[in-house]
Amino acid sequence: MRKLKRYGPPILLISPSLFLIGLFVYVLIFSSAQTSMTDIYTNPQFAGTRPHTFVWFTNFIDLLKDGDFQHSLKNLLLYTLVFITGAMFFGFLWAWLLDKRARFEGVFRSVFLFPMAVSSVAAGVVWRWLLNSNVGDRATGLNRLFQMVGLDFLENKWTNNISFGIVAVAIPAIWQMSGYIMALFLAGFRGIPTELREAARVDGANEFKLYRYVIFPQLSPVALSALIILGHMSLKVFDLIMAITGAKFYPTKVPAVDMYNLMTEGNFANAAAVGIILLLVVLVLIVPYLIHTARGDKR
């Protein structure tokens, strides 16, 4: 009875949220997992759905064997590596420069954070023109800019490159998210007590040792959180690719785009299988982070 009086009101308070999360998250995940293990296929040109049966993991095996889906996974891996590396580098660099108490710091913070306020679709429309693959006399966007400043050797096909076209899509993603990472690191910098820095300098630590042994260890939780956030966002990339190259453009397709294409074709089973694969990849990233956080809270 005491436990009921103690925990009853809090549980009642959060019960609507628990119900909605359970219904629209876990029930739908279970439904998608169930669909992914069937052979359900609805042709959009005809009404109705043909009878379907459970095929268990056949859809997953067929997807992983498919060369087109392997290309999507390769693109996703390449995009994730470039996106995370670029956003972390520029975000940390800008935060480090602003931590030096630069003049007009508020203006620079606003400028760096502004791209995050722009929707991915709106940014994609602009970057689609900037990343135009035309070269020579027909060049536009960045290729034309390179011509104007005498850097013609930097002209390239951008998104039209079969092997590395997805890297071009990572450029606007880095542009959008670097400011957010800057804000995280800047908050981490400002959260380090001034006394720690002064004590390190009194002990004879130079600038390198100050960052190596005092500042960087304090920033490790921020860096880990930034990595998880960027990794999670990179795995779900969809709208930016759709705005820049579209759904049927082979060089830049990723699993999320494959899922959309399969859905429009009525292949719900394989589309759900792609979604479950992405979910498992996200779990591989998130679960270790949650375990690490839980252990840190216990300490």
C-alpha atoms as a PDB file:
ATOM      1  CA  MET A   1       0.000   0.000   0.000  1.00  0.00           C
ATOM      2  CA  ARG A   2       2.868   2.372   0.830  1.00  0.00           C
ATOM      3  CA  LYS A   3       4.478   1.687  -2.536  1.00  0.00           C
ATOM      4  CA  LEU A   4       1.167   2.338  -4.262  1.00  0.00           C
ATOM      5  CA  LYS A   5       0.823   5.698  -2.492  1.00  0.00           C
ATOM      6  CA  ARG A   6       4.426   6.548  -3.305  1.00  0.00           C
ATOM      7  CA  TYR A   7       4.578   5.492  -6.959  1.00  0.00           C
ATOM      8  CA  GLY A   8       0.918   5.668  -7.930  1.00  0.00           C
ATOM      9  CA  PRO A   9       0.639   9.442  -8.634  1.00  0.00           C
ATOM     10  CA  PRO A  10       3.862   9.638 -10.693  1.00  0.00           C
ATOM     11  CA  ILE A  11       2.804   6.618 -12.768  1.00  0.00           C
ATOM     12  CA  LEU A  12      -0.623   8.144 -13.377  1.00  0.00           C
ATOM     13  CA  LEU A  13       1.030  11.400 -14.386  1.00  0.00           C
ATOM     14  CA  ILE A  14       3.205   9.805 -17.065  1.00  0.00           C
ATOM     15  CA  SER A  15       0.707   7.101 -18.107  1.00  0.00           C
ATOM     16  CA  PRO A  16      -0.638   9.072 -21.131  1.00  0.00           C
ATOM     17  CA  SER A  17       2.897   9.470 -22.469  1.00  0.00           C
ATOM     18  CA  LEU A  18       3.665   5.805 -21.808  1.00  0.00           C
ATOM     19  CA  PHE A  19       0.492   4.784 -23.642  1.00  0.00           C
ATOM     20  CA  LEU A  20       1.230   6.958 -26.680  1.00  0.00           C
ATOM     21  CA  ILE A  21       4.873   5.857 -26.843  1.00  0.00           C
ATOM     22  CA  GLY A  22       3.873   2.224 -26.511  1.00  0.00           C
ATOM     23  CA  LEU A  23       1.229   2.559 -29.230  1.00  0.00           C
ATOM     24  CA  PHE A  24       3.031   4.697 -31.803  1.00  0.00           C
ATOM     25  CA  VAL A  25       6.579   3.423 -31.230  1.00  0.00           C
ATOM     26  CA  TYR A  26       6.754  -0.134 -29.925  1.00  0.00           C
ATOM     27  CA  VAL A  27       3.516  -1.441 -31.419  1.00  0.00           C
ATOM     28  CA  LEU A  28       4.491  -0.034 -34.820  1.00  0.00           C
ATOM     29  CA  ILE A  29       8.003  -1.459 -34.512  1.00  0.00           C
ATOM     30  CA  PHE A  30       6.473  -4.866 -33.792  1.00  0.00           C
ATOM     31  CA  SER A  31       4.106  -4.454 -36.742  1.00  0.00           C
ATOM     32  CA  SER A  32       7.006  -3.526 -39.045  1.00  0.00           C
ATOM     33  CA  ALA A  33       9.037  -6.502 -37.840  1.00  0.00           C
ATOM     34  CA  GLN A  34       6.055  -8.764 -38.503  1.00  0.00           C
ATOM     35  CA  THR A  35       5.564  -7.306 -41.992  1.00  0.00           C
ATOM     36  CA  SER A  36       9.268  -7.693 -42.792  1.00  0.00           C
ATOM     37  CA  MET A  37       8.988 -11.444 -42.324  1.00  0.00           C
ATOM     38  CA  THR A  38       6.174 -11.875 -44.846  1.00  0.00           C
ATOM     39  CA  ASP A  39       6.034 -11.779 -48.642  1.00  0.00           C
ATOM     40  CA  ILE A  40       3.314  -9.104 -48.733  1.00  0.00           C
ATOM     41  CA  TYR A  41       3.300  -7.110 -51.941  1.00  0.00           C
ATOM     42  CA  THR A  42       0.635  -4.687 -53.152  1.00  0.00           C
ATOM     43  CA  ASN A  43       0.759  -3.495 -56.724  1.00  0.00           C
ATOM     44  CA  PRO A  44      -0.284   0.188 -56.714  1.00  0.00           C
ATOM     45  CA  GLN A  45      -1.906  -0.316 -60.137  1.00  0.00           C
ATOM     46  CA  PHE A  46      -4.413  -2.801 -58.796  1.00  0.00           C
ATOM     47  CA  ALA A  47      -6.716  -2.786 -55.801  1.00  0.00           C
ATOM     48  CA  GLY A  48      -6.220  -5.202 -52.940  1.00  0.00           C
ATOM     49  CA  THR A  49      -3.329  -7.243 -51.614  1.00  0.00           C
ATOM     50  CA  ARG A  50      -2.434 -10.736 -52.717  1.00  0.00           C
ATOM     51  CA  PRO A  51      -2.384 -13.429 -49.998  1.00  0.00           C
ATOM     52  CA  HIS A  52       0.866 -13.499 -48.091  1.00  0.00           C
ATOM     53  CA  THR A  53       2.715 -15.956 -45.897  1.00  0.00           C
ATOM     54  CA  PHE A  54       5.559 -15.796 -43.407  1.00  0.00           C
ATOM     55  CA  VAL A  55       8.979 -16.223 -44.992  1.00  0.00           C
ATOM     56  CA  TRP A  56      10.870 -15.379 -41.786  1.00  0.00           C
ATOM     57  CA  PHE A  57      14.320 -13.945 -42.600  1.00  0.00           C
ATOM     58  CA  THR A  58      14.250 -14.495 -46.360  1.00  0.00           C
ATOM     59  CA  ASN A  59      13.693 -10.797 -47.104  1.00  0.00           C
ATOM     60  CA  PHE A  60      16.689  -9.791 -44.991  1.00  0.00           C
ATOM     61  CA  ILE A  61      18.930 -12.360 -46.659  1.00  0.00           C
ATOM     62  CA  ASP A  62      17.807 -11.319 -50.148  1.00  0.00           C
ATOM     63  CA  LEU A  63      18.396  -7.651 -49.353  1.00  0.00           C
ATOM     64  CA  LEU A  64      21.881  -8.211 -47.980  1.00  0.00           C
ATOM     65  CA  LYS A  65      22.762 -10.261 -51.067  1.00  0.00           C
ATOM     66  CA  ASP A  66      21.414  -7.638 -53.458  1.00  0.00           C
ATOM     67  CA  GLY A  67      24.110  -5.559 -55.144  1.00  0.00           C
ATOM     68  CA  ASP A  68      21.985  -2.400 -55.217  1.00  0.00           C
ATOM     69  CA  PHE A  69      21.294  -2.588 -51.490  1.00  0.00           C
ATOM     70  CA  GLN A  70      24.976  -3.237 -50.799  1.00  0.00           C
ATOM     71  CA  HIS A  71      25.699  -0.051 -52.747  1.00  0.00           C
ATOM     72  CA  SER A  72      23.215   1.780 -50.497  1.00  0.00           C
ATOM     73  CA  LEU A  73      24.909   0.432 -47.369  1.00  0.00           C
ATOM     74  CA  LYS A  74      28.314   1.461 -48.711  1.00  0.00           C
ATOM     75  CA  ASN A  75      26.974   4.947 -49.427  1.00  0.00           C
ATOM     76  CA  LEU A  76      25.510   5.148 -45.931  1.00  0.00           C
ATOM     77  CA  LEU A  77      28.832   4.160 -44.351  1.00  0.00           C
ATOM     78  CA  LEU A  78      30.775   6.657 -46.465  1.00  0.00           C
ATOM     79  CA  TYR A  79      28.255   9.424 -45.791  1.00  0.00           C
ATOM     80  CA  THR A  80      28.331   8.722 -42.042  1.00  0.00           C
ATOM     81  CA  LEU A  81      32.136   8.831 -41.866  1.00  0.00           C
ATOM     82  CA  VAL A  82      32.444  12.062 -43.860  1.00  0.00           C
ATOM     83  CA  PHE A  83      29.495  13.753 -42.152  1.00  0.00           C
ATOM     84  CA  ILE A  84      30.598  12.936 -38.603  1.00  0.00           C
ATOM     85  CA  THR A  85      34.251  13.801 -39.254  1.00  0.00           C
ATOM     86  CA  GLY A  86      33.440  17.113 -40.933  1.00  0.00           C
ATOM     87  CA  ALA A  87      30.802  18.249 -38.440  1.00  0.00           C
ATOM     88  CA  MET A  88      32.953  17.305 -35.443  1.00  0.00           C
ATOM     89  CA  PHE A  89      36.041  19.021 -36.882  1.00  0.00           C
ATOM     90  CA  PHE A  90      34.400  22.318 -37.815  1.00  0.00           C
ATOM     91  CA  GLY A  91      32.145  22.339 -34.757  1.00  0.00           C
ATOM     92  CA  PHE A  92      35.095  21.898 -32.424  1.00  0.00           C
ATOM     93  CA  LEU A  93      37.229  24.396 -34.355  1.00  0.00           C
ATOM     94  CA  TRP A  94      34.592  27.127 -34.167  1.00  0.00           C
ATOM     95  CA  ALA A  95      33.918  26.428 -30.484  1.00  0.00           C
ATOM     96  CA  TRP A  96      37.650  26.596 -29.718  1.00  0.00           C
ATOM     97  CA  LEU A  97      37.980  29.922 -31.543  1.00  0.00           C
ATOM     98  CA  LEU A  98      34.928  31.403 -29.804  1.00  0.00           C
ATOM     99  CA  ASP A  99      36.200  30.188 -26.451  1.00  0.00           C
ATOM    100  CA  LYS A 100      39.070  32.638 -26.921  1.00  0.00           C
ATOM    101  CA  ARG A 101      36.527  35.421 -26.253  1.00  0.00           C
ATOM    102  CA  ALA A 102      36.632  36.748 -29.805  1.00  0.00           C
ATOM    103  CA  ARG A 103      35.082  40.098 -30.602  1.00  0.00           C
ATOM    104  CA  PHE A 104      31.530  40.004 -31.939  1.00  0.00           C
ATOM    105  CA  GLU A 105      31.148  36.521 -30.493  1.00  0.00           C
ATOM    106  CA  GLY A 106      27.357  36.796 -30.505  1.00  0.00           C
ATOM    107  CA  VAL A 107      27.333  37.604 -34.229  1.00  0.00           C
ATOM    108  CA  PHE A 108      29.566  34.649 -35.055  1.00  0.00           C
ATOM    109  CA  ARG A 109      27.445  32.300 -32.942  1.00  0.00           C
ATOM    110  CA  SER A 110      24.335  33.396 -34.812  1.00  0.00           C
ATOM    111  CA  VAL A 111      26.029  33.008 -38.196  1.00  0.00           C
ATOM    112  CA  PHE A 112      27.276  29.504 -37.385  1.00  0.00           C
ATOM    113  CA  LEU A 113      23.924  28.394 -35.942  1.00  0.00           C
ATOM    114  CA  PHE A 114      21.806  29.853 -38.752  1.00  0.00           C
ATOM    115  CA  PRO A 115      22.181  26.875 -41.162  1.00  0.00           C
ATOM    116  CA  MET A 116      20.568  24.607 -38.580  1.00  0.00           C
ATOM    117  CA  ALA A 117      17.426  26.775 -38.698  1.00  0.00           C
ATOM    118  CA  VAL A 118      17.093  26.135 -42.444  1.00  0.00           C
ATOM    119  CA  SER A 119      15.049  23.063 -43.339  1.00  0.00           C
ATOM    120  CA  SER A 120      16.872  20.268 -45.158  1.00  0.00           C
ATOM    121  CA  VAL A 121      14.522  20.580 -48.135  1.00  0.00           C
ATOM    122  CA  ALA A 122      15.142  24.333 -48.522  1.00  0.00           C
ATOM    123  CA  ALA A 123      18.892  23.845 -48.096  1.00  0.00           C
ATOM    124  CA  GLY A 124      18.803  20.946 -50.557  1.00  0.00           C
ATOM    125  CA  VAL A 125      17.208  23.090 -53.261  1.00  0.00           C
ATOM    126  CA  VAL A 126      20.059  25.622 -53.000  1.00  0.00           C
ATOM    127  CA  TRP A 127      22.777  22.990 -52.775  1.00  0.00           C
ATOM    128  CA  ARG A 128      21.342  21.151 -55.782  1.00  0.00           C
ATOM    129  CA  TRP A 129      22.285  24.209 -57.850  1.00  0.00           C
ATOM    130  CA  LEU A 130      25.652  24.625 -56.114  1.00  0.00           C
ATOM    131  CA  LEU A 131      26.563  20.971 -56.718  1.00  0.00           C
ATOM    132  CA  ASN A 132      25.621  21.019 -60.396  1.00  0.00           C
ATOM    133  CA  SER A 133      27.849  18.567 -62.255  1.00  0.00           C
ATOM    134  CA  ASN A 134      28.209  20.600 -65.465  1.00  0.00           C
ATOM    135  CA  VAL A 135      31.774  21.598 -66.256  1.00  0.00           C
ATOM    136  CA  GLY A 136      33.453  23.804 -68.823  1.00  0.00           C
ATOM    137  CA  ASP A 137      31.281  26.376 -70.602  1.00  0.00           C
ATOM    138  CA  ARG A 138      28.099  24.954 -69.036  1.00  0.00           C
ATOM    139  CA  ALA A 139      29.401  25.104 -65.474  1.00  0.00           C
ATOM    140  CA  THR A 140      27.219  26.580 -62.749  1.00  0.00           C
ATOM    141  CA  GLY A 141      27.315  26.650 -58.968  1.00  0.00           C
ATOM    142  CA  LEU A 142      30.589  25.714 -57.336  1.00  0.00           C
ATOM    143  CA  ASN A 143      32.173  24.641 -60.627  1.00  0.00           C
ATOM    144  CA  ARG A 144      31.543  28.089 -62.055  1.00  0.00           C
ATOM    145  CA  LEU A 145      32.950  29.688 -58.903  1.00  0.00           C
ATOM    146  CA  PHE A 146      36.131  27.637 -59.257  1.00  0.00           C
ATOM    147  CA  GLN A 147      36.477  28.852 -62.839  1.00  0.00           C
ATOM    148  CA  MET A 148      36.085  32.486 -61.777  1.00  0.00           C
ATOM    149  CA  VAL A 149      38.853  32.263 -59.161  1.00  0.00           C
ATOM    150  CA  GLY A 150      41.221  30.265 -61.374  1.00  0.00           C
ATOM    151  CA  LEU A 151      40.788  26.912 -59.635  1.00  0.00           C
ATOM    152  CA  ASP A 152      39.509  24.994 -62.659  1.00  0.00           C
ATOM    153  CA  PHE A 153      41.248  21.810 -61.488  1.00  0.00           C
ATOM    154  CA  LEU A 154      38.742  21.587 -58.609  1.00  0.00           C
ATOM    155  CA  GLU A 155      35.792  21.162 -60.976  1.00  0.00           C
ATOM    156  CA  ASN A 156      34.208  17.741 -60.731  1.00  0.00           C
ATOM    157  CA  LYS A 157      31.015  15.804 -61.272  1.00  0.00           C
ATOM    158  CA  TRP A 158      29.938  16.092 -57.624  1.00  0.00           C
ATOM    159  CA  THR A 159      26.871  13.879 -57.080  1.00  0.00           C
ATOM    160  CA  ASN A 160      27.244  12.192 -60.493  1.00  0.00           C
ATOM    161  CA  ASN A 161      30.282  10.258 -59.290  1.00  0.00           C
ATOM    162  CA  ILE A 162      29.161   6.626 -58.870  1.00  0.00           C
ATOM    163  CA  SER A 163      31.628   5.795 -56.106  1.00  0.00           C
ATOM    164  CA  PHE A 164      31.831   9.065 -54.177  1.00  0.00           C
ATOM    165  CA  GLY A 165      28.732  11.039 -55.161  1.00  0.00           C
ATOM    166  CA  ILE A 166      27.326  10.610 -51.657  1.00  0.00           C
ATOM    167  CA  VAL A 167      30.308  12.574 -50.282  1.00  0.00           C
ATOM    168  CA  ALA A 168      29.005  15.649 -52.104  1.00  0.00           C
ATOM    169  CA  VAL A 169      25.679  15.262 -50.272  1.00  0.00           C
ATOM    170  CA  ALA A 170      27.585  15.213 -46.983  1.00  0.00           C
ATOM    171  CA  ILE A 171      28.876  18.750 -47.632  1.00  0.00           C
ATOM    172  CA  PRO A 172      25.526  20.520 -47.053  1.00  0.00           C
ATOM    173  CA  ALA A 173      24.874  18.203 -44.096  1.00  0.00           C
ATOM    174  CA  ILE A 174      28.158  19.319 -42.528  1.00  0.00           C
ATOM    175  CA  TRP A 175      27.248  22.938 -43.281  1.00  0.00           C
ATOM    176  CA  GLN A 176      23.934  22.474 -41.468  1.00  0.00           C
ATOM    177  CA  MET A 177      25.102  20.646 -38.351  1.00  0.00           C
ATOM    178  CA  SER A 178      28.526  22.139 -37.603  1.00  0.00           C
ATOM    179  CA  GLY A 179      26.928  25.065 -35.791  1.00  0.00           C
ATOM    180  CA  TYR A 180      24.987  22.748 -33.506  1.00  0.00           C
ATOM    181  CA  ILE A 181      28.142  20.811 -32.629  1.00  0.00           C
ATOM    182  CA  MET A 182      29.866  24.152 -32.032  1.00  0.00           C
ATOM    183  CA  ALA A 183      27.159  25.053 -29.508  1.00  0.00           C
ATOM    184  CA  LEU A 184      27.650  21.728 -27.683  1.00  0.00           C
ATOM    185  CA  PHE A 185      31.419  22.101 -27.477  1.00  0.00           C
ATOM    186  CA  LEU A 186      31.200  25.779 -26.548  1.00  0.00           C
ATOM    187  CA  ALA A 187      28.896  24.892 -23.669  1.00  0.00           C
ATOM    188  CA  GLY A 188      31.458  22.257 -22.661  1.00  0.00           C
ATOM    189  CA  PHE A 189      34.289  24.781 -22.793  1.00  0.00           C
ATOM    190  CA  ARG A 190      32.343  27.315 -20.746  1.00  0.00           C
ATOM    191  CA  GLY A 191      31.397  24.633 -18.218  1.00  0.00           C
ATOM    192  CA  ILE A 192      35.035  23.994 -17.273  1.00  0.00           C
ATOM    193  CA  PRO A 193      35.847  25.994 -14.116  1.00  0.00           C
ATOM    194  CA  THR A 194      38.394  28.746 -14.602  1.00  0.00           C
ATOM    195  CA  GLU A 195      40.143  27.556 -11.435  1.00  0.00           C
ATOM    196  CA  LEU A 196      41.141  24.308 -13.149  1.00  0.00           C
ATOM    197  CA  ARG A 197      42.849  26.151 -15.979  1.00  0.00           C
ATOM    198  CA  GLU A 198      44.600  28.530 -13.620  1.00  0.00           C
ATOM    199  CA  ALA A 199      45.757  25.691 -11.380  1.00  0.00           C
ATOM    200  CA  ALA A 200      47.188  23.839 -14.383  1.00  0.00           C
ATOM    201  CA  ARG A 201      49.083  26.927 -15.512  1.00  0.00           C
ATOM    202  CA  VAL A 202      50.423  27.496 -11.995  1.00  0.00           C
ATOM    203  CA  ASP A 203      51.713  23.905 -12.053  1.00  0.00           C
ATOM    204  CA  GLY A 204      53.658  24.728 -15.191  1.00  0.00           C
ATOM    205  CA  ALA A 205      51.406  23.221 -17.837  1.00  0.00           C
ATOM    206  CA  ASN A 206      51.828  24.728 -21.301  1.00  0.00           C
ATOM    207  CA  GLU A 207      48.899  25.213 -23.686  1.00  0.00           C
ATOM    208  CA  PHE A 208      49.233  21.708 -25.161  1.00  0.00           C
ATOM    209  CA  LYS A 209      49.281  19.984 -21.778  1.00  0.00           C
ATOM    210  CA  LEU A 210      46.426  22.167 -20.571  1.00  0.00           C
ATOM    211  CA  TYR A 211      44.217  20.897 -23.364  1.00  0.00           C
ATOM    212  CA  ARG A 212      45.566  17.345 -23.255  1.00  0.00           C
ATOM    213  CA  TYR A 213      45.183  16.699 -19.522  1.00  0.00           C
ATOM    214  CA  VAL A 214      42.579  19.210 -18.324  1.00  0.00           C
ATOM    215  CA  ILE A 215      40.230  20.408 -21.041  1.00  0.00           C
ATOM    216  CA  PHE A 216      39.884  17.392 -23.352  1.00  0.00           C
ATOM    217  CA  PRO A 217      38.976  14.932 -20.537  1.00  0.00           C
ATOM    218  CA  GLN A 218      36.252  17.366 -19.438  1.00  0.00           C
ATOM    219  CA  LEU A 219      34.896  17.494 -22.982  1.00  0.00           C
ATOM    220  CA  SER A 220      34.701  13.722 -23.509  1.00  0.00           C
ATOM    221  CA  PRO A 221      30.998  13.445 -22.470  1.00  0.00           C
ATOM    222  CA  VAL A 222      30.127  16.258 -24.891  1.00  0.00           C
ATOM    223  CA  ALA A 223      32.093  14.616 -27.693  1.00  0.00           C
ATOM    224  CA  LEU A 224      30.399  11.261 -27.058  1.00  0.00           C
ATOM    225  CA  SER A 225      26.948  12.847 -27.098  1.00  0.00           C
ATOM    226  CA  ALA A 226      27.792  14.694 -30.327  1.00  0.00           C
ATOM    227  CA  LEU A 227      28.969  11.464 -31.962  1.00  0.00           C
ATOM    228  CA  ILE A 228      25.767   9.641 -31.013  1.00  0.00           C
ATOM    229  CA  ILE A 229      23.560  12.491 -32.257  1.00  0.00           C
ATOM    230  CA  LEU A 230      25.402  12.808 -35.562  1.00  0.00           C
ATOM    231  CA  GLY A 231      25.546   9.055 -36.074  1.00  0.00           C
ATOM    232  CA  HIS A 232      21.826   8.735 -35.457  1.00  0.00           C
ATOM    233  CA  MET A 233      21.045  11.586 -37.863  1.00  0.00           C
ATOM    234  CA  SER A 234      23.312  10.240 -40.590  1.00  0.00           C
ATOM    235  CA  LEU A 235      21.614   6.842 -40.563  1.00  0.00           C
ATOM    236  CA  LYS A 236      18.228   8.474 -41.137  1.00  0.00           C
ATOM    237  CA  VAL A 237      19.304  10.835 -43.928  1.00  0.00           C
ATOM    238  CA  PHE A 238      16.522  11.094 -46.477  1.00  0.00           C
ATOM    239  CA  ASP A 239      15.090  14.565 -47.089  1.00  0.00           C
ATOM    240  CA  LEU A 240      18.430  16.141 -48.017  1.00  0.00           C
ATOM    241  CA  ILE A 241      19.107  13.443 -50.628  1.00  0.00           C
ATOM    242  CA  MET A 242      15.572  13.702 -51.991  1.00  0.00           C
ATOM    243  CA  ALA A 243      15.931  17.489 -52.379  1.00  0.00           C
ATOM    244  CA  ILE A 244      19.362  17.351 -54.038  1.00  0.00           C
ATOM    245  CA  THR A 245      19.277  14.275 -56.289  1.00  0.00           C
ATOM    246  CA  GLY A 246      15.859  12.631 -55.941  1.00  0.00           C
ATOM    247  CA  ALA A 247      14.756   9.090 -55.133  1.00  0.00           C
ATOM    248  CA  LYS A 248      15.842   7.332 -58.345  1.00  0.00           C
ATOM    249  CA  PHE A 249      19.414   8.636 -58.527  1.00  0.00           C
ATOM    250  CA  TYR A 250      21.660   5.591 -58.119  1.00  0.00           C
ATOM    251  CA  PRO A 251      24.983   7.239 -57.072  1.00  0.00           C
ATOM    252  CA  THR A 252      23.508   8.828 -53.928  1.00  0.00           C
ATOM    253  CA  LYS A 253      20.895   6.329 -52.789  1.00  0.00           C
ATOM    254  CA  VAL A 254      20.947   5.050 -49.197  1.00  0.00           C
ATOM    255  CA  PRO A 255      18.747   2.522 -47.328  1.00  0.00           C
ATOM    256  CA  ALA A 256      16.183   5.171 -46.327  1.00  0.00           C
ATOM    257  CA  VAL A 257      15.735   6.063 -50.016  1.00  0.00           C
ATOM    258  CA  ASP A 258      15.466   2.360 -50.857  1.00  0.00           C
ATOM    259  CA  MET A 259      12.718   2.017 -48.266  1.00  0.00           C
ATOM    260  CA  TYR A 260      10.803   4.895 -49.877  1.00  0.00           C
ATOM    261  CA  ASN A 261      11.186   3.404 -53.360  1.00  0.00           C
ATOM    262  CA  LEU A 262      10.045  -0.024 -52.189  1.00  0.00           C
ATOM    263  CA  MET A 263       7.004   1.503 -50.510  1.00  0.00           C
ATOM    264  CA  THR A 264       5.995   3.374 -53.669  1.00  0.00           C
ATOM    265  CA  GLU A 265       6.314   0.099 -55.594  1.00  0.00           C
ATOM    266  CA  GLY A 266       4.034  -1.631 -53.077  1.00  0.00           C
ATOM    267  CA  ASN A 267       6.774  -3.924 -51.767  1.00  0.00           C
ATOM    268  CA  PHE A 268       5.862  -3.426 -48.111  1.00  0.00           C
ATOM    269  CA  ALA A 269       7.706  -6.519 -46.865  1.00  0.00           C
ATOM    270  CA  ASN A 270      11.117  -5.462 -48.183  1.00  0.00           C
ATOM    271  CA  ALA A 271      10.492  -1.838 -47.192  1.00  0.00           C
ATOM    272  CA  ALA A 272       9.785  -2.959 -43.634  1.00  0.00           C
ATOM    273  CA  ALA A 273      12.897  -5.152 -43.727  1.00  0.00           C
ATOM    274  CA  VAL A 274      15.017  -2.139 -44.673  1.00  0.00           C
ATOM    275  CA  GLY A 275      13.490  -0.223 -41.762  1.00  0.00           C
ATOM    276  CA  ILE A 276      14.300  -3.016 -39.322  1.00  0.00           C
ATOM    277  CA  ILE A 277      17.884  -3.180 -40.599  1.00  0.00           C
ATOM    278  CA  LEU A 278      18.255   0.564 -39.982  1.00  0.00           C
ATOM    279  CA  LEU A 279      16.732   0.130 -36.525  1.00  0.00           C
ATOM    280  CA  LEU A 280      19.268  -2.576 -35.665  1.00  0.00           C
ATOM    281  CA  VAL A 281      22.133  -0.385 -36.874  1.00  0.00           C
ATOM    282  CA  VAL A 282      20.873   2.485 -34.702  1.00  0.00           C
ATOM    283  CA  LEU A 283      20.629   0.141 -31.715  1.00  0.00           C
ATOM    284  CA  VAL A 284      24.253  -0.870 -32.218  1.00  0.00           C
ATOM    285  CA  LEU A 285      25.152   2.798 -31.718  1.00  0.00           C
ATOM    286  CA  ILE A 286      22.650   3.748 -29.028  1.00  0.00           C
ATOM    287  CA  VAL A 287      22.746   0.755 -26.662  1.00  0.00           C
ATOM    288  CA  PRO A 288      26.473   1.048 -25.780  1.00  0.00           C
ATOM    289  CA  TYR A 289      25.925   4.768 -25.150  1.00  0.00           C
ATOM    290  CA  LEU A 290      22.980   4.066 -22.831  1.00  0.00           C
ATOM    291  CA  ILE A 291      24.997   1.435 -20.949  1.00  0.00           C
ATOM    292  CA  HIS A 292      27.909   3.857 -20.588  1.00  0.00           C
ATOM    293  CA  THR A 293      25.569   6.585 -19.333  1.00  0.00           C
ATOM    294  CA  ALA A 294      23.884   4.250 -16.848  1.00  0.00           C
ATOM    295  CA  ARG A 295      27.230   3.171 -15.429  1.00  0.00           C
ATOM    296  CA  GLY A 296      28.279   6.800 -15.118  1.00  0.00           C
ATOM    297  CA  ASP A 297      25.085   7.644 -13.181  1.00  0.00           C
ATOM    298  CA  LYS A 298      25.711   4.789 -10.741  1.00  0.00           C
ATOM    299  CA  ARG A 299      29.152   6.140  -9.956  1.00  0.00           C
END
